[in-house]
Amino acid sequence: MELVARSVTEFVTRLLADEDRGAGEGAARPVAIALGAASDGLYQQGAVAASGMPKYEAYVIRNIGHFPDVSSSLIQSHLDKSDQARRKGRVGRLEGSV
């Protein structure tokens, strides 16, 4: 068994955002269509693009919820860039891999 989301609501909201992000103008959105009125209030179409966030993963974490694969991707991108980490007032280099 693998944890993919903390709740069904977060998972479905992410599916809607994934679908919106990958869909072009006027493209079919099967998840939104399947959910119908049940998707109201979960995700506003165009919200990812309107957020202006440089990384989709950051949008997901900040606006939808925490997902293991998204957190892993963000951590790995920081490791790849050798970013500095701040922990309780100390600055240190991120080391290791995810």
N, C-alpha and C. Protein backbone atom coordinates (compact mmCIF):
# COMPACT_ATOMS: atom_id res chain seq x y z
N MET A 1 0.84 -1.16 0.00
CA MET A 1 0.00 0.00 0.00
C MET A 1 0.90 1.23 0.00
N GLU A 2 0.50 2.25 -0.78
CA GLU A 2 1.28 3.48 -0.89
C GLU A 2 0.40 4.68 -0.58
N LEU A 3 0.91 5.57 0.25
CA LEU A 3 0.19 6.79 0.58
C LEU A 3 0.30 7.76 -0.59
N VAL A 4 -0.84 8.18 -1.14
CA VAL A 4 -0.82 9.13 -2.26
C VAL A 4 -1.39 10.48 -1.88
N ALA A 5 -2.18 10.54 -0.81
CA ALA A 5 -2.76 11.80 -0.35
C ALA A 5 -3.27 11.62 1.07
N ARG A 6 -3.45 12.75 1.76
CA ARG A 6 -3.97 12.67 3.12
C ARG A 6 -5.48 12.48 3.14
N SER A 7 -6.14 12.88 2.06
CA SER A 7 -7.59 12.71 2.01
C SER A 7 -8.04 12.59 0.56
N VAL A 8 -9.24 12.08 0.38
CA VAL A 8 -9.82 11.97 -0.95
C VAL A 8 -10.02 13.36 -1.55
N THR A 9 -10.42 14.31 -0.74
CA THR A 9 -10.64 15.67 -1.23
C THR A 9 -9.35 16.26 -1.79
N GLU A 10 -8.24 16.10 -1.07
CA GLU A 10 -6.96 16.61 -1.57
C GLU A 10 -6.56 15.89 -2.85
N PHE A 11 -6.77 14.59 -2.90
CA PHE A 11 -6.39 13.83 -4.09
C PHE A 11 -7.20 14.28 -5.31
N VAL A 12 -8.49 14.43 -5.15
CA VAL A 12 -9.35 14.85 -6.27
C VAL A 12 -9.02 16.28 -6.69
N THR A 13 -8.74 17.14 -5.72
CA THR A 13 -8.37 18.52 -6.05
C THR A 13 -7.08 18.54 -6.85
N ARG A 14 -6.13 17.69 -6.47
CA ARG A 14 -4.89 17.61 -7.24
C ARG A 14 -5.15 17.09 -8.64
N LEU A 15 -6.00 16.09 -8.77
CA LEU A 15 -6.34 15.58 -10.11
C LEU A 15 -6.91 16.69 -10.99
N LEU A 16 -7.79 17.51 -10.42
CA LEU A 16 -8.37 18.63 -11.17
C LEU A 16 -7.30 19.64 -11.58
N ALA A 17 -6.38 19.94 -10.67
CA ALA A 17 -5.30 20.88 -10.99
C ALA A 17 -4.35 20.29 -12.04
N ASP A 18 -4.03 19.00 -11.91
CA ASP A 18 -3.18 18.32 -12.91
C ASP A 18 -3.83 18.39 -14.28
N GLU A 19 -5.11 18.11 -14.31
CA GLU A 19 -5.86 18.11 -15.56
C GLU A 19 -5.88 19.51 -16.18
N ASP A 20 -6.13 20.51 -15.36
CA ASP A 20 -6.18 21.89 -15.83
C ASP A 20 -4.81 22.34 -16.34
N ARG A 21 -3.78 21.99 -15.63
CA ARG A 21 -2.41 22.37 -16.02
C ARG A 21 -2.03 21.77 -17.36
N GLY A 22 -2.43 20.54 -17.61
CA GLY A 22 -2.05 19.85 -18.84
C GLY A 22 -2.98 20.09 -20.01
N ALA A 23 -4.13 20.67 -19.74
CA ALA A 23 -5.12 20.86 -20.80
C ALA A 23 -4.91 22.20 -21.50
N GLY A 24 -5.09 22.18 -22.79
CA GLY A 24 -5.03 23.43 -23.54
C GLY A 24 -6.39 24.11 -23.51
N GLU A 25 -6.45 25.27 -24.11
CA GLU A 25 -7.71 26.02 -24.17
C GLU A 25 -8.77 25.18 -24.88
N GLY A 26 -9.89 24.99 -24.23
CA GLY A 26 -11.00 24.25 -24.82
C GLY A 26 -10.83 22.74 -24.82
N ALA A 27 -9.76 22.24 -24.18
CA ALA A 27 -9.51 20.80 -24.14
C ALA A 27 -10.50 20.11 -23.21
N ALA A 28 -10.74 18.84 -23.49
CA ALA A 28 -11.64 18.05 -22.64
C ALA A 28 -11.01 17.89 -21.26
N ARG A 29 -11.84 17.90 -20.26
CA ARG A 29 -11.39 17.70 -18.88
C ARG A 29 -12.23 16.57 -18.28
N PRO A 30 -11.81 15.31 -18.54
CA PRO A 30 -12.62 14.17 -18.12
C PRO A 30 -12.86 14.07 -16.62
N VAL A 31 -11.88 14.45 -15.79
CA VAL A 31 -12.08 14.36 -14.34
C VAL A 31 -13.16 15.36 -13.92
N ALA A 32 -13.05 16.58 -14.39
CA ALA A 32 -14.05 17.60 -14.06
C ALA A 32 -15.43 17.21 -14.57
N ILE A 33 -15.47 16.64 -15.76
CA ILE A 33 -16.75 16.21 -16.32
C ILE A 33 -17.35 15.08 -15.48
N ALA A 34 -16.51 14.12 -15.10
CA ALA A 34 -16.99 12.98 -14.31
C ALA A 34 -17.51 13.43 -12.95
N LEU A 35 -16.85 14.42 -12.35
CA LEU A 35 -17.26 14.90 -11.04
C LEU A 35 -18.50 15.79 -11.11
N GLY A 36 -18.66 16.48 -12.21
CA GLY A 36 -19.81 17.37 -12.36
C GLY A 36 -19.87 18.40 -11.24
N ALA A 37 -21.03 18.57 -10.66
CA ALA A 37 -21.23 19.56 -9.60
C ALA A 37 -20.45 19.23 -8.34
N ALA A 38 -20.03 17.99 -8.18
CA ALA A 38 -19.26 17.60 -6.99
C ALA A 38 -17.89 18.28 -6.95
N SER A 39 -17.42 18.79 -8.11
CA SER A 39 -16.12 19.46 -8.14
C SER A 39 -16.21 20.94 -7.77
N ASP A 40 -17.42 21.46 -7.63
CA ASP A 40 -17.60 22.86 -7.27
C ASP A 40 -16.92 23.16 -5.94
N GLY A 41 -16.11 24.20 -5.92
CA GLY A 41 -15.43 24.61 -4.71
C GLY A 41 -14.11 23.90 -4.44
N LEU A 42 -13.81 22.84 -5.19
CA LEU A 42 -12.55 22.14 -4.97
C LEU A 42 -11.39 22.84 -5.67
N TYR A 43 -11.61 23.22 -6.92
CA TYR A 43 -10.54 23.83 -7.72
C TYR A 43 -11.16 24.77 -8.73
N GLN A 44 -10.60 25.96 -8.85
CA GLN A 44 -11.06 26.95 -9.81
C GLN A 44 -10.21 26.82 -11.07
N GLN A 45 -10.85 26.52 -12.20
CA GLN A 45 -10.12 26.36 -13.45
C GLN A 45 -9.22 27.58 -13.71
N GLY A 46 -7.97 27.32 -14.06
CA GLY A 46 -7.01 28.39 -14.33
C GLY A 46 -6.23 28.86 -13.11
N ALA A 47 -6.50 28.28 -11.95
CA ALA A 47 -5.85 28.74 -10.72
C ALA A 47 -4.34 28.51 -10.72
N VAL A 48 -3.88 27.41 -11.32
CA VAL A 48 -2.44 27.14 -11.36
C VAL A 48 -1.73 28.24 -12.15
N ALA A 49 -2.22 28.53 -13.34
CA ALA A 49 -1.61 29.56 -14.19
C ALA A 49 -1.70 30.93 -13.53
N ALA A 50 -2.84 31.22 -12.92
CA ALA A 50 -3.05 32.53 -12.30
C ALA A 50 -2.19 32.74 -11.06
N SER A 51 -1.72 31.66 -10.45
CA SER A 51 -0.94 31.78 -9.21
C SER A 51 0.42 32.45 -9.45
N GLY A 52 0.96 32.28 -10.63
CA GLY A 52 2.26 32.86 -10.93
C GLY A 52 3.42 32.16 -10.26
N MET A 53 3.16 31.03 -9.63
CA MET A 53 4.24 30.30 -8.95
C MET A 53 5.15 29.66 -10.00
N PRO A 54 6.46 29.71 -9.75
CA PRO A 54 7.40 29.20 -10.75
C PRO A 54 7.38 27.67 -10.91
N LYS A 55 6.99 26.97 -9.87
CA LYS A 55 6.94 25.50 -9.94
C LYS A 55 5.54 25.02 -9.58
N TYR A 56 5.04 24.12 -10.39
CA TYR A 56 3.73 23.53 -10.15
C TYR A 56 3.69 22.84 -8.78
N GLU A 57 4.79 22.17 -8.44
CA GLU A 57 4.86 21.44 -7.17
C GLU A 57 4.66 22.38 -5.98
N ALA A 58 5.21 23.58 -6.08
CA ALA A 58 5.04 24.55 -5.00
C ALA A 58 3.58 24.97 -4.89
N TYR A 59 2.90 25.12 -6.03
CA TYR A 59 1.47 25.45 -6.01
C TYR A 59 0.70 24.34 -5.29
N VAL A 60 1.00 23.11 -5.62
CA VAL A 60 0.29 21.97 -5.01
C VAL A 60 0.46 21.98 -3.50
N ILE A 61 1.70 22.11 -3.02
CA ILE A 61 1.96 22.10 -1.58
C ILE A 61 1.27 23.26 -0.88
N ARG A 62 1.33 24.44 -1.46
CA ARG A 62 0.76 25.62 -0.81
C ARG A 62 -0.76 25.70 -0.88
N ASN A 63 -1.34 25.21 -1.96
CA ASN A 63 -2.77 25.44 -2.18
C ASN A 63 -3.66 24.21 -2.13
N ILE A 64 -3.07 23.03 -2.23
CA ILE A 64 -3.90 21.83 -2.25
C ILE A 64 -3.63 20.94 -1.05
N GLY A 65 -2.37 20.58 -0.85
CA GLY A 65 -2.04 19.71 0.26
C GLY A 65 -0.67 19.09 0.08
N HIS A 66 -0.26 18.30 1.05
CA HIS A 66 1.06 17.66 1.01
C HIS A 66 0.92 16.26 0.44
N PHE A 67 1.78 15.98 -0.55
CA PHE A 67 1.79 14.68 -1.21
C PHE A 67 3.23 14.18 -1.20
N PRO A 68 3.46 12.91 -0.87
CA PRO A 68 4.82 12.39 -0.79
C PRO A 68 5.64 12.60 -2.07
N ASP A 69 5.06 12.35 -3.24
CA ASP A 69 5.82 12.49 -4.48
C ASP A 69 6.17 13.94 -4.78
N VAL A 70 5.29 14.86 -4.45
CA VAL A 70 5.54 16.29 -4.68
C VAL A 70 6.63 16.78 -3.72
N SER A 71 6.54 16.40 -2.46
CA SER A 71 7.56 16.79 -1.49
C SER A 71 8.92 16.24 -1.91
N SER A 72 8.96 15.01 -2.33
CA SER A 72 10.20 14.39 -2.78
C SER A 72 10.79 15.14 -3.96
N SER A 73 9.96 15.52 -4.90
CA SER A 73 10.41 16.25 -6.08
C SER A 73 10.99 17.61 -5.70
N LEU A 74 10.32 18.33 -4.81
CA LEU A 74 10.82 19.63 -4.37
C LEU A 74 12.15 19.50 -3.62
N ILE A 75 12.23 18.51 -2.74
CA ILE A 75 13.46 18.28 -1.99
C ILE A 75 14.61 17.95 -2.94
N GLN A 76 14.34 17.06 -3.89
CA GLN A 76 15.38 16.66 -4.84
C GLN A 76 15.85 17.84 -5.68
N SER A 77 14.94 18.73 -6.06
CA SER A 77 15.35 19.88 -6.86
C SER A 77 16.24 20.82 -6.04
N HIS A 78 15.97 20.95 -4.73
CA HIS A 78 16.84 21.75 -3.88
C HIS A 78 18.21 21.09 -3.71
N LEU A 79 18.22 19.77 -3.55
CA LEU A 79 19.49 19.06 -3.44
C LEU A 79 20.30 19.20 -4.72
N ASP A 80 19.65 19.10 -5.86
CA ASP A 80 20.34 19.22 -7.15
C ASP A 80 20.97 20.60 -7.33
N LYS A 81 20.35 21.62 -6.74
CA LYS A 81 20.87 22.99 -6.84
C LYS A 81 21.83 23.32 -5.70
N SER A 82 22.07 22.38 -4.80
CA SER A 82 22.91 22.60 -3.62
C SER A 82 22.46 23.83 -2.84
N ASP A 83 21.15 23.96 -2.68
CA ASP A 83 20.59 25.07 -1.91
C ASP A 83 21.05 25.03 -0.46
N GLN A 84 21.01 26.20 0.14
CA GLN A 84 21.32 26.32 1.56
C GLN A 84 20.03 26.09 2.35
N ALA A 85 20.12 25.39 3.45
CA ALA A 85 18.96 25.12 4.29
C ALA A 85 19.08 25.92 5.59
N ARG A 86 17.98 26.48 6.03
CA ARG A 86 17.96 27.19 7.32
C ARG A 86 17.24 26.29 8.32
N ARG A 87 17.90 26.05 9.44
CA ARG A 87 17.28 25.24 10.47
C ARG A 87 17.59 25.87 11.81
N LYS A 88 16.56 26.36 12.48
CA LYS A 88 16.68 26.94 13.82
C LYS A 88 17.83 27.94 13.90
N GLY A 89 17.85 28.87 12.95
CA GLY A 89 18.84 29.93 12.99
C GLY A 89 20.19 29.57 12.40
N ARG A 90 20.39 28.30 12.07
CA ARG A 90 21.66 27.89 11.47
C ARG A 90 21.47 27.71 9.98
N VAL A 91 22.51 27.96 9.23
CA VAL A 91 22.48 27.75 7.80
C VAL A 91 23.41 26.61 7.49
N GLY A 92 22.94 25.67 6.71
CA GLY A 92 23.78 24.54 6.34
C GLY A 92 23.45 24.07 4.93
N ARG A 93 24.35 23.34 4.35
CA ARG A 93 24.16 22.84 3.01
C ARG A 93 23.32 21.57 3.06
N LEU A 94 22.36 21.48 2.13
CA LEU A 94 21.56 20.26 2.05
C LEU A 94 22.44 19.16 1.45
N GLU A 95 22.43 18.00 2.07
CA GLU A 95 23.23 16.90 1.58
C GLU A 95 22.39 15.63 1.52
N GLY A 96 22.82 14.70 0.69
CA GLY A 96 22.13 13.44 0.59
C GLY A 96 21.23 13.41 -0.62
N SER A 97 20.39 12.41 -0.67
CA SER A 97 19.42 12.29 -1.76
C SER A 97 18.13 11.73 -1.22
N VAL A 98 17.11 11.93 -2.00
CA VAL A 98 15.79 11.48 -1.59
C VAL A 98 15.48 10.16 -2.23
